[in-house]
Amino acid sequence: METPILNTINQPADLKKLSVDELTKLAAEIRYVLLNKVRPNWRACWS
């Protein structure tokens, strides 16, 4: 998954420029990135 909106965020003011639809898409991008960073190490944390 590409993260085109997330890639444009450099400071808090950038968030204020986004529409509600773009914020929803940004949330999905953030969720995707976080899950893909955590998921590979998830089992290692519990073993």
Protein backbone atom coordinates (compact mmCIF):
# COMPACT_ATOMS: atom_id res chain seq x y z
CA MET A 1 0.00 0.00 0.00
CA GLU A 2 1.26 3.42 -0.88
CA THR A 3 1.02 6.23 1.68
CA PRO A 4 0.62 9.34 -0.46
CA ILE A 5 -1.08 11.46 2.19
CA LEU A 6 1.21 10.39 5.02
CA ASN A 7 4.22 11.24 2.86
CA THR A 8 3.03 14.85 2.61
CA ILE A 9 2.78 15.42 6.38
CA ASN A 10 5.83 17.24 7.72
CA GLN A 11 4.36 19.35 10.50
CA PRO A 12 1.08 19.71 12.42
CA ALA A 13 -0.09 22.55 10.17
CA ASP A 14 -0.20 20.09 7.26
CA LEU A 15 -3.00 18.20 9.00
CA LYS A 16 -5.17 21.31 9.17
CA LYS A 17 -5.13 21.54 5.38
CA LEU A 18 -6.67 18.10 4.90
CA SER A 19 -10.35 17.47 4.24
CA VAL A 20 -12.36 15.00 6.34
CA ASP A 21 -12.08 12.45 3.53
CA GLU A 22 -8.31 12.89 3.40
CA LEU A 23 -8.06 12.55 7.19
CA THR A 24 -9.96 9.26 6.97
CA LYS A 25 -7.56 8.02 4.31
CA LEU A 26 -4.61 9.22 6.39
CA ALA A 27 -5.87 7.23 9.36
CA ALA A 28 -5.99 4.10 7.17
CA GLU A 29 -2.44 4.76 5.97
CA ILE A 30 -1.16 5.19 9.53
CA ARG A 31 -2.94 2.02 10.63
CA TYR A 32 -1.39 0.10 7.73
CA VAL A 33 2.13 1.32 8.49
CA LEU A 34 1.84 0.59 12.21
CA LEU A 35 0.45 -2.91 11.74
CA ASN A 36 3.11 -3.80 9.20
CA LYS A 37 5.87 -2.60 11.54
CA VAL A 38 4.50 -4.41 14.60
CA ARG A 39 3.14 -7.61 13.06
CA PRO A 40 6.52 -9.19 12.06
CA ASN A 41 7.78 -8.86 15.66
CA TRP A 42 4.53 -9.69 17.45
CA ARG A 43 5.30 -13.36 18.14
CA ALA A 44 8.85 -12.58 19.25
CA CYS A 45 7.46 -10.37 22.02
CA TRP A 46 5.40 -13.24 23.44
CA SER A 47 7.87 -16.10 23.24
